[in-house]
């Protein structure tokens, strides 16, 4: 192969790697149908659990939202044939935590399918 061919192959391989990484990054944000559990950073009072539950229940893609205050976790189900962006859930939870105040931090982590 000549130099131009090597460069063209390298550009194609690099493009494929970048595209693969972009698609993988996009799909990490998207939760598909199924049951999930996640840790919540700081549930600070008895009002936090109901507020988290109400906030997530407002998403039409979700159902069966439950909060375990002692375990600082939340469980929810993404409805069949639905998807939801984790960033959108987090945005709503951040706004709810700001309204609650008192050090509440509803940042989700360890979001895993059940």
N, C-alpha and C. Protein backbone atom coordinates (compact mmCIF):
# COMPACT_ATOMS: atom_id res chain seq x y z
N UNK A 1 0.84 -1.19 0.00
CA UNK A 1 0.00 0.00 0.00
C UNK A 1 0.88 1.24 0.00
N UNK A 2 0.39 2.26 -0.68
CA UNK A 2 1.13 3.51 -0.69
C UNK A 2 0.69 4.39 0.48
N UNK A 3 1.33 5.51 0.64
CA UNK A 3 1.09 6.42 1.76
C UNK A 3 -0.36 6.90 1.81
N UNK A 4 -0.93 7.25 0.66
CA UNK A 4 -2.32 7.73 0.60
C UNK A 4 -3.29 6.65 1.07
N UNK A 5 -3.06 5.43 0.67
CA UNK A 5 -3.92 4.32 1.08
C UNK A 5 -3.84 4.12 2.58
N UNK A 6 -2.63 4.18 3.15
CA UNK A 6 -2.46 4.06 4.59
C UNK A 6 -3.22 5.16 5.33
N UNK A 7 -3.12 6.36 4.83
CA UNK A 7 -3.82 7.49 5.46
C UNK A 7 -5.33 7.30 5.36
N UNK A 8 -5.81 6.87 4.21
CA UNK A 8 -7.25 6.66 4.02
C UNK A 8 -7.76 5.57 4.96
N UNK A 9 -7.02 4.50 5.09
CA UNK A 9 -7.42 3.41 6.01
C UNK A 9 -7.41 3.92 7.44
N UNK A 10 -6.40 4.66 7.82
CA UNK A 10 -6.31 5.20 9.18
C UNK A 10 -7.48 6.14 9.46
N UNK A 11 -7.85 6.96 8.51
CA UNK A 11 -8.98 7.88 8.68
C UNK A 11 -10.28 7.08 8.83
N UNK A 12 -10.47 6.06 8.06
CA UNK A 12 -11.67 5.23 8.17
C UNK A 12 -11.74 4.52 9.52
N UNK A 13 -10.63 3.97 9.96
CA UNK A 13 -10.61 3.28 11.26
C UNK A 13 -10.88 4.27 12.38
N UNK A 14 -10.23 5.42 12.34
CA UNK A 14 -10.43 6.44 13.36
C UNK A 14 -11.88 6.92 13.36
N UNK A 15 -12.44 7.12 12.19
CA UNK A 15 -13.85 7.55 12.09
C UNK A 15 -14.78 6.50 12.70
N UNK A 16 -14.52 5.25 12.43
CA UNK A 16 -15.34 4.17 12.98
C UNK A 16 -15.23 4.14 14.50
N UNK A 17 -14.04 4.31 15.03
CA UNK A 17 -13.85 4.32 16.49
C UNK A 17 -14.56 5.49 17.14
N UNK A 18 -14.48 6.65 16.53
CA UNK A 18 -15.16 7.84 17.08
C UNK A 18 -16.66 7.64 17.05
N UNK A 19 -17.18 7.15 15.94
CA UNK A 19 -18.62 6.92 15.81
C UNK A 19 -19.09 5.87 16.82
N UNK A 20 -18.33 4.81 17.01
CA UNK A 20 -18.69 3.77 17.98
C UNK A 20 -18.73 4.36 19.38
N UNK A 21 -17.76 5.17 19.73
CA UNK A 21 -17.74 5.81 21.04
C UNK A 21 -18.90 6.77 21.21
N UNK A 22 -19.27 7.47 20.16
CA UNK A 22 -20.39 8.40 20.21
C UNK A 22 -21.69 7.65 20.44
N UNK A 23 -21.90 6.57 19.74
CA UNK A 23 -23.11 5.77 19.89
C UNK A 23 -23.16 5.17 21.29
N UNK A 24 -22.04 4.67 21.79
CA UNK A 24 -22.00 4.09 23.14
C UNK A 24 -22.31 5.15 24.18
N UNK A 25 -21.79 6.36 24.00
CA UNK A 25 -22.06 7.44 24.95
C UNK A 25 -23.53 7.81 24.94
N UNK A 26 -24.14 7.83 23.76
CA UNK A 26 -25.55 8.14 23.67
C UNK A 26 -26.39 7.08 24.37
N UNK A 27 -26.09 5.82 24.17
CA UNK A 27 -26.92 4.76 24.72
C UNK A 27 -26.80 4.65 26.23
N UNK A 28 -25.70 5.09 26.83
CA UNK A 28 -25.56 5.06 28.28
C UNK A 28 -26.58 5.98 28.94
N UNK A 29 -26.97 7.03 28.26
CA UNK A 29 -27.92 7.99 28.80
C UNK A 29 -29.36 7.51 28.64
N UNK A 30 -29.58 6.58 27.74
CA UNK A 30 -30.93 6.15 27.42
C UNK A 30 -31.28 4.85 28.15
N UNK A 31 -32.34 4.90 28.94
CA UNK A 31 -32.81 3.71 29.65
C UNK A 31 -33.97 3.13 28.86
N UNK A 32 -33.86 1.85 28.54
CA UNK A 32 -34.91 1.17 27.78
C UNK A 32 -35.87 0.48 28.73
N UNK A 33 -36.91 -0.10 28.19
CA UNK A 33 -37.94 -0.77 28.98
C UNK A 33 -37.32 -1.77 29.95
N UNK A 34 -37.82 -1.77 31.18
CA UNK A 34 -37.33 -2.69 32.18
C UNK A 34 -37.32 -2.07 33.56
N UNK A 35 -36.94 -2.86 34.54
CA UNK A 35 -36.87 -2.40 35.93
C UNK A 35 -35.46 -1.95 36.25
N UNK A 36 -35.35 -0.87 37.02
CA UNK A 36 -34.04 -0.32 37.39
C UNK A 36 -34.01 -0.01 38.88
N UNK A 37 -32.81 -0.01 39.41
CA UNK A 37 -32.57 0.46 40.77
C UNK A 37 -31.39 1.42 40.71
N UNK A 38 -31.40 2.41 41.59
CA UNK A 38 -30.32 3.39 41.62
C UNK A 38 -30.12 3.88 43.05
N UNK A 39 -28.90 4.27 43.34
CA UNK A 39 -28.59 4.90 44.62
C UNK A 39 -28.90 6.39 44.49
N UNK A 40 -29.34 6.99 45.61
CA UNK A 40 -29.60 8.42 45.67
C UNK A 40 -28.60 9.00 46.66
N UNK A 41 -27.93 10.06 46.29
CA UNK A 41 -26.82 10.58 47.10
C UNK A 41 -27.22 10.98 48.51
N UNK A 42 -28.25 11.83 48.66
CA UNK A 42 -28.58 12.32 50.01
C UNK A 42 -30.08 12.53 50.17
N UNK A 43 -30.72 11.56 50.82
CA UNK A 43 -32.12 11.70 51.22
C UNK A 43 -32.07 12.16 52.67
N UNK A 44 -32.38 13.44 52.91
CA UNK A 44 -32.09 14.03 54.22
C UNK A 44 -33.26 14.10 55.18
N UNK A 45 -34.49 13.91 54.69
CA UNK A 45 -35.62 14.01 55.61
C UNK A 45 -36.78 13.15 55.11
N UNK A 46 -37.81 13.08 55.91
CA UNK A 46 -38.98 12.29 55.57
C UNK A 46 -39.73 12.78 54.34
N UNK A 47 -39.53 14.03 53.96
CA UNK A 47 -40.20 14.57 52.78
C UNK A 47 -39.50 14.25 51.48
N UNK A 48 -38.25 13.80 51.57
CA UNK A 48 -37.47 13.54 50.35
C UNK A 48 -38.02 12.37 49.55
N UNK A 49 -38.31 11.27 50.23
CA UNK A 49 -38.80 10.09 49.52
C UNK A 49 -40.04 10.38 48.69
N UNK A 50 -41.08 10.98 49.31
CA UNK A 50 -42.28 11.30 48.54
C UNK A 50 -42.00 12.28 47.38
N UNK A 51 -41.08 13.24 47.60
CA UNK A 51 -40.77 14.20 46.54
C UNK A 51 -40.06 13.51 45.37
N UNK A 52 -39.13 12.62 45.67
CA UNK A 52 -38.45 11.86 44.60
C UNK A 52 -39.47 11.02 43.84
N UNK A 53 -40.34 10.35 44.58
CA UNK A 53 -41.34 9.49 43.96
C UNK A 53 -42.27 10.31 43.06
N UNK A 54 -42.74 11.44 43.55
CA UNK A 54 -43.64 12.30 42.78
C UNK A 54 -42.94 12.84 41.53
N UNK A 55 -41.69 13.24 41.69
CA UNK A 55 -40.93 13.80 40.57
C UNK A 55 -40.78 12.77 39.45
N UNK A 56 -40.40 11.56 39.81
CA UNK A 56 -40.20 10.53 38.79
C UNK A 56 -41.53 10.03 38.22
N UNK A 57 -42.57 10.01 39.04
CA UNK A 57 -43.89 9.57 38.57
C UNK A 57 -44.45 10.52 37.51
N UNK A 58 -43.94 11.74 37.45
CA UNK A 58 -44.39 12.70 36.43
C UNK A 58 -43.91 12.33 35.02
N UNK A 59 -42.96 11.42 34.92
CA UNK A 59 -42.49 10.98 33.61
C UNK A 59 -43.42 9.90 33.08
N UNK A 60 -44.04 10.15 31.94
CA UNK A 60 -45.01 9.21 31.38
C UNK A 60 -44.36 7.89 31.00
N UNK A 61 -43.04 7.87 30.82
CA UNK A 61 -42.34 6.65 30.45
C UNK A 61 -42.10 5.71 31.64
N UNK A 62 -42.30 6.24 32.85
CA UNK A 62 -42.01 5.46 34.06
C UNK A 62 -43.27 5.01 34.76
N UNK A 63 -43.13 3.90 35.50
CA UNK A 63 -44.20 3.41 36.36
C UNK A 63 -43.54 2.69 37.54
N UNK A 64 -44.34 2.39 38.54
CA UNK A 64 -43.88 1.63 39.71
C UNK A 64 -42.65 2.25 40.36
N UNK A 65 -42.73 3.54 40.65
CA UNK A 65 -41.62 4.24 41.30
C UNK A 65 -41.74 4.06 42.81
N UNK A 66 -40.67 3.54 43.42
CA UNK A 66 -40.64 3.41 44.88
C UNK A 66 -39.29 3.91 45.39
N UNK A 67 -39.31 4.48 46.59
CA UNK A 67 -38.11 5.01 47.20
C UNK A 67 -37.90 4.30 48.53
N UNK A 68 -36.68 3.85 48.75
CA UNK A 68 -36.29 3.24 50.03
C UNK A 68 -35.37 4.24 50.72
N UNK A 69 -35.94 5.01 51.65
CA UNK A 69 -35.19 6.07 52.29
C UNK A 69 -34.01 5.52 53.10
N UNK A 70 -34.20 4.43 53.81
CA UNK A 70 -33.12 3.86 54.63
C UNK A 70 -31.94 3.42 53.77
N UNK A 71 -32.23 2.84 52.63
CA UNK A 71 -31.17 2.37 51.74
C UNK A 71 -30.69 3.46 50.78
N UNK A 72 -31.31 4.64 50.83
CA UNK A 72 -31.01 5.73 49.90
C UNK A 72 -31.04 5.23 48.46
N UNK A 73 -32.15 4.58 48.10
CA UNK A 73 -32.26 4.05 46.75
C UNK A 73 -33.65 4.29 46.19
N UNK A 74 -33.73 4.18 44.89
CA UNK A 74 -35.00 4.32 44.19
C UNK A 74 -35.11 3.18 43.18
N UNK A 75 -36.32 2.67 43.02
CA UNK A 75 -36.59 1.64 42.03
C UNK A 75 -37.70 2.17 41.12
N UNK A 76 -37.56 1.87 39.85
CA UNK A 76 -38.60 2.31 38.90
C UNK A 76 -38.59 1.40 37.70
N UNK A 77 -39.68 1.45 36.97
CA UNK A 77 -39.80 0.66 35.75
C UNK A 77 -40.03 1.59 34.57
N UNK A 78 -39.24 1.39 33.52
CA UNK A 78 -39.49 2.07 32.25
C UNK A 78 -40.49 1.20 31.51
N UNK A 79 -41.58 1.83 31.10
CA UNK A 79 -42.68 1.09 30.46
C UNK A 79 -42.24 0.39 29.18
N UNK A 80 -42.98 -0.66 28.85
CA UNK A 80 -42.74 -1.42 27.63
C UNK A 80 -42.81 -0.48 26.43
N UNK A 81 -41.89 -0.65 25.50
CA UNK A 81 -41.80 0.15 24.27
C UNK A 81 -41.48 1.62 24.53
N UNK A 82 -40.94 1.93 25.72
CA UNK A 82 -40.57 3.32 26.04
C UNK A 82 -39.08 3.39 26.32
N UNK A 83 -38.55 4.59 26.20
CA UNK A 83 -37.19 4.89 26.63
C UNK A 83 -37.22 6.23 27.34
N UNK A 84 -36.26 6.45 28.20
CA UNK A 84 -36.16 7.73 28.90
C UNK A 84 -34.68 8.05 29.08
N UNK A 85 -34.37 9.31 28.99
CA UNK A 85 -32.98 9.74 29.15
C UNK A 85 -32.68 9.96 30.63
N UNK A 86 -31.60 9.35 31.07
CA UNK A 86 -31.16 9.50 32.45
C UNK A 86 -30.88 10.97 32.77
N UNK A 87 -30.36 11.71 31.80
CA UNK A 87 -30.08 13.13 32.04
C UNK A 87 -31.36 13.91 32.31
N UNK A 88 -32.46 13.52 31.66
CA UNK A 88 -33.74 14.21 31.89
C UNK A 88 -34.28 13.89 33.29
N UNK A 89 -34.15 12.62 33.71
CA UNK A 89 -34.56 12.27 35.08
C UNK A 89 -33.73 13.06 36.09
N UNK A 90 -32.43 13.11 35.85
CA UNK A 90 -31.54 13.80 36.79
C UNK A 90 -31.84 15.29 36.84
N UNK A 91 -32.14 15.88 35.72
CA UNK A 91 -32.47 17.31 35.67
C UNK A 91 -33.69 17.60 36.54
N UNK A 92 -34.72 16.76 36.44
CA UNK A 92 -35.93 16.94 37.25
C UNK A 92 -35.63 16.71 38.73
N UNK A 93 -34.81 15.71 39.03
CA UNK A 93 -34.46 15.43 40.43
C UNK A 93 -33.60 16.54 41.03
N UNK A 94 -32.71 17.12 40.24
CA UNK A 94 -31.91 18.25 40.72
C UNK A 94 -32.80 19.43 41.10
N UNK A 95 -33.78 19.71 40.26
CA UNK A 95 -34.71 20.81 40.54
C UNK A 95 -35.50 20.51 41.81
N UNK A 96 -35.93 19.28 42.00
CA UNK A 96 -36.67 18.90 43.21
C UNK A 96 -35.79 19.03 44.45
N UNK A 97 -34.54 18.61 44.36
CA UNK A 97 -33.62 18.73 45.50
C UNK A 97 -33.38 20.19 45.85
N UNK A 98 -33.28 21.04 44.84
CA UNK A 98 -33.10 22.47 45.09
C UNK A 98 -34.30 23.06 45.80
N UNK A 99 -35.51 22.61 45.43
CA UNK A 99 -36.72 23.08 46.10
C UNK A 99 -36.75 22.60 47.56
N UNK A 100 -36.28 21.38 47.79
CA UNK A 100 -36.29 20.81 49.13
C UNK A 100 -35.28 21.54 50.03
N UNK A 101 -34.10 21.81 49.51
CA UNK A 101 -33.07 22.45 50.31
C UNK A 101 -32.52 21.51 51.36
N UNK A 102 -32.04 22.02 52.46
CA UNK A 102 -31.55 21.27 53.62
C UNK A 102 -30.45 20.27 53.29
N UNK A 103 -29.73 20.46 52.21
CA UNK A 103 -28.66 19.53 51.85
C UNK A 103 -29.11 18.33 51.03
N UNK A 104 -30.38 18.35 50.60
CA UNK A 104 -30.87 17.25 49.77
C UNK A 104 -30.08 17.19 48.47
N UNK A 105 -29.70 16.00 48.07
CA UNK A 105 -28.98 15.79 46.81
C UNK A 105 -29.51 14.50 46.21
N UNK A 106 -30.32 14.63 45.19
CA UNK A 106 -30.97 13.48 44.59
C UNK A 106 -30.20 12.95 43.38
N UNK A 107 -28.89 13.13 43.40
CA UNK A 107 -28.06 12.63 42.31
C UNK A 107 -28.12 11.10 42.29
N UNK A 108 -28.45 10.56 41.12
CA UNK A 108 -28.54 9.12 40.94
C UNK A 108 -27.17 8.55 40.59
N UNK A 109 -26.86 7.38 41.14
CA UNK A 109 -25.64 6.68 40.77
C UNK A 109 -25.95 5.17 40.77
N UNK A 110 -25.05 4.43 40.21
CA UNK A 110 -25.18 2.98 40.15
C UNK A 110 -26.57 2.58 39.62
N UNK A 111 -26.97 3.21 38.53
CA UNK A 111 -28.26 2.87 37.90
C UNK A 111 -28.08 1.54 37.19
N UNK A 112 -28.79 0.52 37.68
CA UNK A 112 -28.63 -0.82 37.12
C UNK A 112 -29.98 -1.47 36.87
N UNK A 113 -30.05 -2.26 35.81
CA UNK A 113 -31.29 -3.01 35.58
C UNK A 113 -31.43 -4.10 36.62
N UNK A 114 -32.67 -4.43 36.96
CA UNK A 114 -32.91 -5.50 37.92
C UNK A 114 -32.96 -6.82 37.21
